[in-house]
C-alpha atoms as a PDB file:
ATOM      1  CA  MET A   1     -37.994 -34.318   2.791  1.00  0.00           C
ATOM      2  CA  TYR A   2     -41.611 -35.334   2.434  1.00  0.00           C
ATOM      3  CA  THR A   3     -43.126 -34.685  -0.987  1.00  0.00           C
ATOM      4  CA  ASP A   4     -46.779 -35.262  -1.562  1.00  0.00           C
ATOM      5  CA  ALA A   5     -48.826 -35.150  -4.747  1.00  0.00           C
ATOM      6  CA  VAL A   6     -49.407 -31.399  -4.552  1.00  0.00           C
ATOM      7  CA  VAL A   7     -45.680 -30.616  -4.462  1.00  0.00           C
ATOM      8  CA  ILE A   8     -44.977 -32.972  -7.349  1.00  0.00           C
ATOM      9  CA  ALA A   9     -47.856 -31.489  -9.352  1.00  0.00           C
ATOM     10  CA  GLY A  10     -46.522 -27.979  -8.704  1.00  0.00           C
ATOM     11  CA  ILE A  11     -43.023 -28.902  -9.844  1.00  0.00           C
ATOM     12  CA  VAL A  12     -44.394 -30.587 -12.970  1.00  0.00           C
ATOM     13  CA  THR A  13     -46.538 -27.522 -13.719  1.00  0.00           C
ATOM     14  CA  VAL A  14     -43.564 -25.173 -13.407  1.00  0.00           C
ATOM     15  CA  LEU A  15     -41.416 -27.410 -15.611  1.00  0.00           C
ATOM     16  CA  LEU A  16     -44.144 -27.552 -18.265  1.00  0.00           C
ATOM     17  CA  MET A  17     -44.501 -23.754 -18.249  1.00  0.00           C
ATOM     18  CA  VAL A  18     -40.744 -23.274 -18.551  1.00  0.00           C
ATOM     19  CA  GLY A  19     -40.613 -25.780 -21.397  1.00  0.00           C
ATOM     20  CA  PHE A  20     -43.481 -24.037 -23.166  1.00  0.00           C
ATOM     21  CA  PHE A  21     -41.859 -20.613 -22.965  1.00  0.00           C
ATOM     22  CA  VAL A  22     -38.488 -21.981 -24.091  1.00  0.00           C
ATOM     23  CA  GLY A  23     -40.248 -23.563 -27.062  1.00  0.00           C
ATOM     24  CA  VAL A  24     -41.964 -20.294 -27.929  1.00  0.00           C
ATOM     25  CA  GLY A  25     -38.634 -18.473 -27.640  1.00  0.00           C
ATOM     26  CA  VAL A  26     -36.909 -20.954 -29.957  1.00  0.00           C
ATOM     27  CA  PHE A  27     -39.757 -20.632 -32.454  1.00  0.00           C
ATOM     28  CA  VAL A  28     -39.563 -16.835 -32.405  1.00  0.00           C
ATOM     29  CA  LEU A  29     -35.793 -16.872 -32.909  1.00  0.00           C
ATOM     30  CA  LYS A  30     -36.007 -19.332 -35.798  1.00  0.00           C
ATOM     31  CA  ASP A  31     -38.860 -17.382 -37.394  1.00  0.00           C
ATOM     32  CA  SER A  32     -37.075 -14.055 -37.058  1.00  0.00           C
ATOM     33  CA  LYS A  33     -33.964 -15.499 -38.722  1.00  0.00           C
ATOM     34  CA  HIS A  34     -36.169 -16.976 -41.457  1.00  0.00           C
ATOM     35  CA  GLN A  35     -37.896 -13.653 -42.034  1.00  0.00           C
ATOM     36  CA  LEU A  36     -34.573 -11.829 -42.234  1.00  0.00           C
ATOM     37  CA  GLY A  37     -33.126 -14.397 -44.639  1.00  0.00           C
ATOM     38  CA  ASP A  38     -35.652 -14.537 -47.452  1.00  0.00           C
ATOM     39  CA  HIS A  39     -38.591 -12.350 -46.415  1.00  0.00           C
ATOM     40  CA  GLY A  40     -41.211 -15.045 -46.011  1.00  0.00           C
ATOM     41  CA  ARG A  41     -42.225 -18.504 -47.145  1.00  0.00           C
ATOM     42  CA  HIS A  42     -43.289 -17.608 -50.646  1.00  0.00           C
ATOM     43  CA  SER A  43     -40.403 -15.358 -51.603  1.00  0.00           C
ATOM     44  CA  GLU A  44     -39.274 -17.533 -54.535  1.00  0.00           C
ATOM     45  CA  LYS A  45     -42.804 -17.670 -55.904  1.00  0.00           C
ATOM     46  CA  SER A  46     -43.241 -13.906 -55.660  1.00  0.00           C
ATOM     47  CA  ALA A  47     -39.797 -13.343 -57.192  1.00  0.00           C
ATOM     48  CA  ARG A  48     -40.677 -15.564 -60.169  1.00  0.00           C
ATOM     49  CA  GLU A  49     -43.976 -13.758 -60.635  1.00  0.00           C
ATOM     50  CA  GLY A  50     -42.145 -10.435 -60.502  1.00  0.00           C
ATOM     51  CA  ARG A  51     -39.793 -11.468 -63.315  1.00  0.00           C
ATOM     52  CA  LYS A  52     -42.643 -12.503 -65.576  1.00  0.00           C
ATOM     53  CA  SER A  53     -44.272  -9.093 -65.609  1.00  0.00           C
END
């Protein structure tokens, strides 16, 4: 099978797009679990401020 630069560039482009979307999917899953766990990055800070008042 003869592969020229255009075919290789197309395969690389598809692999990069798949990798990008897998990365976005992993980020979304991790972020959704994080949001469910403690309701945001600053939950301890807001909880401490809530106890003071």
